[in-house]
Amino acid sequence: MSQVSDVALTSKPIVGTYLRVSVGALADLESSPSLLVALDLDTALAEGRALDLGRGWEPLAVWIDGGFRLPEAGPTLGEVALPDVDPTAAWSYVGVSRVPYVAEQLVAMCRGFAVLYARDGEDTDPYMSDGRTGGYRGNRDYLVRKLEGLARHYEEAARHGEAMLVRIGERR
């Protein structure tokens, strides 16, 4: 087997995980970043304190934060970078003071997302149909579900006065 195919077989998908954390827990992580590697994401996911967007984080980050390319910061990537201590992921966060605003913006985006990501029957080449729009492989519906989940997760963090810890990296 060639080196290229060996790499392709061993690479893991890069996913986005969003963990609601208290102000105190965030302060602990900032003062001891090595704790990030030991965080129990499975328990947090089971308890509803974490949300796994899978690979959906990337198209949402481009749409919400970046325009035409992946941004460096924003609600889907975190606004404050944490030290690089995890060889499998980048960690950042959205501070507790910004979480309510982000939640509000994400909820507003949910309302218009499906319309913005739809094919215009009049202006879209009929030969391309859904191939270059959100209709391709149900991508629009997939991303709407991911966006709605992210909005609800931020709303929950806002209700509890929590920050949002963001992990972009290999699935654990």
C-alpha atoms as a PDB file:
ATOM      1  CA  MET A   1       0.000   0.000   0.000  1.00  0.00           C
ATOM      2  CA  SER A   2       1.248   3.494  -0.727  1.00  0.00           C
ATOM      3  CA  GLN A   3       2.045   5.997   2.013  1.00  0.00           C
ATOM      4  CA  VAL A   4      -0.862   8.197   0.920  1.00  0.00           C
ATOM      5  CA  SER A   5      -3.451   5.457   1.340  1.00  0.00           C
ATOM      6  CA  ASP A   6      -1.900   4.378   4.677  1.00  0.00           C
ATOM      7  CA  VAL A   7      -2.348   7.928   5.970  1.00  0.00           C
ATOM      8  CA  ALA A   8      -5.923   8.059   4.691  1.00  0.00           C
ATOM      9  CA  LEU A   9      -6.753   4.813   6.490  1.00  0.00           C
ATOM     10  CA  THR A  10      -5.346   5.967   9.821  1.00  0.00           C
ATOM     11  CA  SER A  11      -6.641   9.542   9.883  1.00  0.00           C
ATOM     12  CA  LYS A  12      -9.597  10.349  12.096  1.00  0.00           C
ATOM     13  CA  PRO A  13     -12.349  12.805  11.282  1.00  0.00           C
ATOM     14  CA  ILE A  14     -12.050  16.248  12.827  1.00  0.00           C
ATOM     15  CA  VAL A  15     -15.170  16.953  14.867  1.00  0.00           C
ATOM     16  CA  GLY A  16     -16.493  19.816  16.959  1.00  0.00           C
ATOM     17  CA  THR A  17     -17.522  19.248  20.575  1.00  0.00           C
ATOM     18  CA  TYR A  18     -19.103  22.000  22.694  1.00  0.00           C
ATOM     19  CA  LEU A  19     -19.003  21.686  26.464  1.00  0.00           C
ATOM     20  CA  ARG A  20     -20.910  23.973  28.814  1.00  0.00           C
ATOM     21  CA  VAL A  21     -18.664  24.845  31.776  1.00  0.00           C
ATOM     22  CA  SER A  22     -19.046  26.931  34.894  1.00  0.00           C
ATOM     23  CA  VAL A  23     -16.961  30.046  35.407  1.00  0.00           C
ATOM     24  CA  GLY A  24     -15.010  28.208  38.122  1.00  0.00           C
ATOM     25  CA  ALA A  25     -14.295  25.204  35.904  1.00  0.00           C
ATOM     26  CA  LEU A  26     -13.130  27.495  33.111  1.00  0.00           C
ATOM     27  CA  ALA A  27     -10.793  29.304  35.525  1.00  0.00           C
ATOM     28  CA  ASP A  28      -9.355  25.914  36.565  1.00  0.00           C
ATOM     29  CA  LEU A  29      -8.768  24.970  32.913  1.00  0.00           C
ATOM     30  CA  GLU A  30      -7.107  28.304  32.192  1.00  0.00           C
ATOM     31  CA  SER A  31      -4.757  27.939  35.143  1.00  0.00           C
ATOM     32  CA  SER A  32      -4.067  24.231  34.477  1.00  0.00           C
ATOM     33  CA  PRO A  33      -4.570  23.619  30.721  1.00  0.00           C
ATOM     34  CA  SER A  34      -3.245  20.059  31.013  1.00  0.00           C
ATOM     35  CA  LEU A  35      -6.658  19.201  32.540  1.00  0.00           C
ATOM     36  CA  LEU A  36      -8.176  19.560  29.058  1.00  0.00           C
ATOM     37  CA  VAL A  37      -6.701  16.246  27.913  1.00  0.00           C
ATOM     38  CA  ALA A  38      -8.324  14.411  30.823  1.00  0.00           C
ATOM     39  CA  LEU A  39     -11.837  15.862  30.437  1.00  0.00           C
ATOM     40  CA  ASP A  40     -14.490  13.131  30.338  1.00  0.00           C
ATOM     41  CA  LEU A  41     -16.423  14.086  27.231  1.00  0.00           C
ATOM     42  CA  ASP A  42     -18.441  10.846  27.159  1.00  0.00           C
ATOM     43  CA  THR A  43     -20.029  11.592  30.538  1.00  0.00           C
ATOM     44  CA  ALA A  44     -20.631  15.226  29.568  1.00  0.00           C
ATOM     45  CA  LEU A  45     -22.312  14.089  26.332  1.00  0.00           C
ATOM     46  CA  ALA A  46     -24.479  11.568  28.201  1.00  0.00           C
ATOM     47  CA  GLU A  47     -25.526  14.231  30.725  1.00  0.00           C
ATOM     48  CA  GLY A  48     -26.331  16.802  28.023  1.00  0.00           C
ATOM     49  CA  ARG A  49     -23.571  19.202  29.099  1.00  0.00           C
ATOM     50  CA  ALA A  50     -21.727  18.584  25.824  1.00  0.00           C
ATOM     51  CA  LEU A  51     -22.821  18.608  22.198  1.00  0.00           C
ATOM     52  CA  ASP A  52     -21.008  16.774  19.415  1.00  0.00           C
ATOM     53  CA  LEU A  53     -21.572  18.473  16.055  1.00  0.00           C
ATOM     54  CA  GLY A  54     -19.465  15.900  14.259  1.00  0.00           C
ATOM     55  CA  ARG A  55     -18.100  17.276  11.011  1.00  0.00           C
ATOM     56  CA  GLY A  56     -20.971  19.790  10.842  1.00  0.00           C
ATOM     57  CA  TRP A  57     -18.876  22.300  12.793  1.00  0.00           C
ATOM     58  CA  GLU A  58     -16.823  23.187   9.707  1.00  0.00           C
ATOM     59  CA  PRO A  59     -19.544  24.240   7.224  1.00  0.00           C
ATOM     60  CA  LEU A  60     -21.351  26.045  10.039  1.00  0.00           C
ATOM     61  CA  ALA A  61     -18.147  27.856  11.014  1.00  0.00           C
ATOM     62  CA  VAL A  62     -17.671  29.011   7.444  1.00  0.00           C
ATOM     63  CA  TRP A  63     -21.295  30.124   7.155  1.00  0.00           C
ATOM     64  CA  ILE A  64     -21.635  31.746  10.590  1.00  0.00           C
ATOM     65  CA  ASP A  65     -18.159  33.122  11.183  1.00  0.00           C
ATOM     66  CA  GLY A  66     -16.112  33.124   8.029  1.00  0.00           C
ATOM     67  CA  GLY A  67     -17.945  33.913   4.836  1.00  0.00           C
ATOM     68  CA  PHE A  68     -16.014  31.951   2.247  1.00  0.00           C
ATOM     69  CA  ARG A  69     -13.313  30.242   4.274  1.00  0.00           C
ATOM     70  CA  LEU A  70     -12.777  28.781   7.691  1.00  0.00           C
ATOM     71  CA  PRO A  71     -12.388  31.593  10.232  1.00  0.00           C
ATOM     72  CA  GLU A  72      -9.913  31.745  13.073  1.00  0.00           C
ATOM     73  CA  ALA A  73     -12.463  32.487  15.814  1.00  0.00           C
ATOM     74  CA  GLY A  74     -16.186  32.656  16.464  1.00  0.00           C
ATOM     75  CA  PRO A  75     -18.989  30.779  18.220  1.00  0.00           C
ATOM     76  CA  THR A  76     -18.252  27.564  16.349  1.00  0.00           C
ATOM     77  CA  LEU A  77     -14.480  27.741  16.897  1.00  0.00           C
ATOM     78  CA  GLY A  78     -14.288  29.574  20.203  1.00  0.00           C
ATOM     79  CA  GLU A  79     -13.173  33.149  20.715  1.00  0.00           C
ATOM     80  CA  VAL A  80     -10.326  32.707  23.197  1.00  0.00           C
ATOM     81  CA  ALA A  81      -7.674  30.085  22.442  1.00  0.00           C
ATOM     82  CA  LEU A  82      -6.403  27.876  25.241  1.00  0.00           C
ATOM     83  CA  PRO A  83      -2.791  26.638  25.349  1.00  0.00           C
ATOM     84  CA  ASP A  84      -1.847  23.877  22.931  1.00  0.00           C
ATOM     85  CA  VAL A  85      -1.635  20.907  25.321  1.00  0.00           C
ATOM     86  CA  ASP A  86      -3.711  18.302  23.489  1.00  0.00           C
ATOM     87  CA  PRO A  87      -2.002  16.609  20.525  1.00  0.00           C
ATOM     88  CA  THR A  88      -5.378  15.572  19.084  1.00  0.00           C
ATOM     89  CA  ALA A  89      -7.348  18.817  19.354  1.00  0.00           C
ATOM     90  CA  ALA A  90      -7.433  22.594  19.606  1.00  0.00           C
ATOM     91  CA  TRP A  91      -9.324  23.998  22.602  1.00  0.00           C
ATOM     92  CA  SER A  92     -10.864  27.436  22.995  1.00  0.00           C
ATOM     93  CA  TYR A  93     -13.882  28.999  24.622  1.00  0.00           C
ATOM     94  CA  VAL A  94     -16.590  31.627  24.415  1.00  0.00           C
ATOM     95  CA  GLY A  95     -16.716  33.564  27.681  1.00  0.00           C
ATOM     96  CA  VAL A  96     -19.758  33.627  29.909  1.00  0.00           C
ATOM     97  CA  SER A  97     -20.430  37.291  29.113  1.00  0.00           C
ATOM     98  CA  ARG A  98     -20.657  36.545  25.358  1.00  0.00           C
ATOM     99  CA  VAL A  99     -22.691  33.323  25.528  1.00  0.00           C
ATOM    100  CA  PRO A 100     -26.141  35.012  25.775  1.00  0.00           C
ATOM    101  CA  TYR A 101     -25.382  37.205  22.734  1.00  0.00           C
ATOM    102  CA  VAL A 102     -24.134  34.221  20.725  1.00  0.00           C
ATOM    103  CA  ALA A 103     -27.237  32.230  21.700  1.00  0.00           C
ATOM    104  CA  GLU A 104     -29.481  35.044  20.511  1.00  0.00           C
ATOM    105  CA  GLN A 105     -27.632  35.339  17.192  1.00  0.00           C
ATOM    106  CA  LEU A 106     -27.711  31.585  16.552  1.00  0.00           C
ATOM    107  CA  VAL A 107     -31.459  31.430  17.204  1.00  0.00           C
ATOM    108  CA  ALA A 108     -31.986  34.259  14.695  1.00  0.00           C
ATOM    109  CA  MET A 109     -29.817  32.444  12.150  1.00  0.00           C
ATOM    110  CA  CYS A 110     -31.892  29.282  12.510  1.00  0.00           C
ATOM    111  CA  ARG A 111     -34.946  31.113  11.208  1.00  0.00           C
ATOM    112  CA  GLY A 112     -33.356  32.080   7.909  1.00  0.00           C
ATOM    113  CA  PHE A 113     -30.846  29.306   7.319  1.00  0.00           C
ATOM    114  CA  ALA A 114     -33.053  26.909   5.355  1.00  0.00           C
ATOM    115  CA  VAL A 115     -34.216  29.720   3.079  1.00  0.00           C
ATOM    116  CA  LEU A 116     -30.698  31.004   2.454  1.00  0.00           C
ATOM    117  CA  TYR A 117     -29.402  27.506   1.751  1.00  0.00           C
ATOM    118  CA  ALA A 118     -32.159  26.609  -0.726  1.00  0.00           C
ATOM    119  CA  ARG A 119     -32.051  26.269  -4.480  1.00  0.00           C
ATOM    120  CA  ASP A 120     -33.736  29.029  -6.424  1.00  0.00           C
ATOM    121  CA  GLY A 121     -35.622  27.223  -9.179  1.00  0.00           C
ATOM    122  CA  GLU A 122     -35.533  30.270 -11.408  1.00  0.00           C
ATOM    123  CA  ASP A 123     -31.845  31.142 -11.088  1.00  0.00           C
ATOM    124  CA  THR A 124     -30.249  27.722 -10.676  1.00  0.00           C
ATOM    125  CA  ASP A 125     -29.124  25.835 -13.727  1.00  0.00           C
ATOM    126  CA  PRO A 126     -31.561  22.898 -14.033  1.00  0.00           C
ATOM    127  CA  TYR A 127     -28.665  20.561 -14.815  1.00  0.00           C
ATOM    128  CA  MET A 128     -27.038  21.435 -11.503  1.00  0.00           C
ATOM    129  CA  SER A 129     -30.321  21.310  -9.529  1.00  0.00           C
ATOM    130  CA  ASP A 130     -29.531  20.464  -5.909  1.00  0.00           C
ATOM    131  CA  GLY A 131     -25.924  19.529  -6.631  1.00  0.00           C
ATOM    132  CA  ARG A 132     -24.580  22.942  -5.625  1.00  0.00           C
ATOM    133  CA  THR A 133     -27.086  23.816  -2.957  1.00  0.00           C
ATOM    134  CA  GLY A 134     -28.154  22.511   0.406  1.00  0.00           C
ATOM    135  CA  GLY A 135     -30.380  19.957  -1.302  1.00  0.00           C
ATOM    136  CA  TYR A 136     -27.361  17.857  -2.193  1.00  0.00           C
ATOM    137  CA  ARG A 137     -27.520  14.644  -0.113  1.00  0.00           C
ATOM    138  CA  GLY A 138     -29.865  16.379   2.325  1.00  0.00           C
ATOM    139  CA  ASN A 139     -27.074  18.705   3.413  1.00  0.00           C
ATOM    140  CA  ARG A 140     -29.444  21.586   4.148  1.00  0.00           C
ATOM    141  CA  ASP A 141     -31.494  19.472   6.577  1.00  0.00           C
ATOM    142  CA  TYR A 142     -28.341  18.090   8.193  1.00  0.00           C
ATOM    143  CA  LEU A 143     -26.887  21.569   8.750  1.00  0.00           C
ATOM    144  CA  VAL A 144     -30.193  23.019   9.978  1.00  0.00           C
ATOM    145  CA  ARG A 145     -30.362  20.261  12.623  1.00  0.00           C
ATOM    146  CA  LYS A 146     -26.754  20.963  13.653  1.00  0.00           C
ATOM    147  CA  LEU A 147     -27.346  24.738  13.799  1.00  0.00           C
ATOM    148  CA  GLU A 148     -30.526  24.301  15.838  1.00  0.00           C
ATOM    149  CA  GLY A 149     -28.685  21.977  18.238  1.00  0.00           C
ATOM    150  CA  LEU A 150     -25.861  24.480  18.641  1.00  0.00           C
ATOM    151  CA  ALA A 151     -28.339  27.319  19.255  1.00  0.00           C
ATOM    152  CA  ARG A 152     -30.174  25.285  21.929  1.00  0.00           C
ATOM    153  CA  HIS A 153     -26.854  24.368  23.561  1.00  0.00           C
ATOM    154  CA  TYR A 154     -25.797  28.035  23.736  1.00  0.00           C
ATOM    155  CA  GLU A 155     -29.250  28.974  25.079  1.00  0.00           C
ATOM    156  CA  GLU A 156     -28.863  26.388  27.828  1.00  0.00           C
ATOM    157  CA  ALA A 157     -25.402  27.725  28.702  1.00  0.00           C
ATOM    158  CA  ALA A 158     -26.811  31.270  28.829  1.00  0.00           C
ATOM    159  CA  ARG A 159     -29.628  30.152  31.180  1.00  0.00           C
ATOM    160  CA  HIS A 160     -27.082  28.623  33.562  1.00  0.00           C
ATOM    161  CA  GLY A 161     -24.510  31.436  33.375  1.00  0.00           C
ATOM    162  CA  GLU A 162     -21.946  29.135  31.768  1.00  0.00           C
ATOM    163  CA  ALA A 163     -19.114  29.572  29.282  1.00  0.00           C
ATOM    164  CA  MET A 164     -18.803  27.392  26.185  1.00  0.00           C
ATOM    165  CA  LEU A 165     -15.664  25.288  25.892  1.00  0.00           C
ATOM    166  CA  VAL A 166     -14.955  24.321  22.268  1.00  0.00           C
ATOM    167  CA  ARG A 167     -12.906  21.316  21.192  1.00  0.00           C
ATOM    168  CA  ILE A 168     -12.037  20.913  17.505  1.00  0.00           C
ATOM    169  CA  GLY A 169     -10.116  17.730  16.918  1.00  0.00           C
ATOM    170  CA  GLU A 170     -10.058  14.004  16.412  1.00  0.00           C
ATOM    171  CA  ARG A 171     -12.973  12.066  17.811  1.00  0.00           C
ATOM    172  CA  ARG A 172     -12.036  10.446  21.109  1.00  0.00           C
END
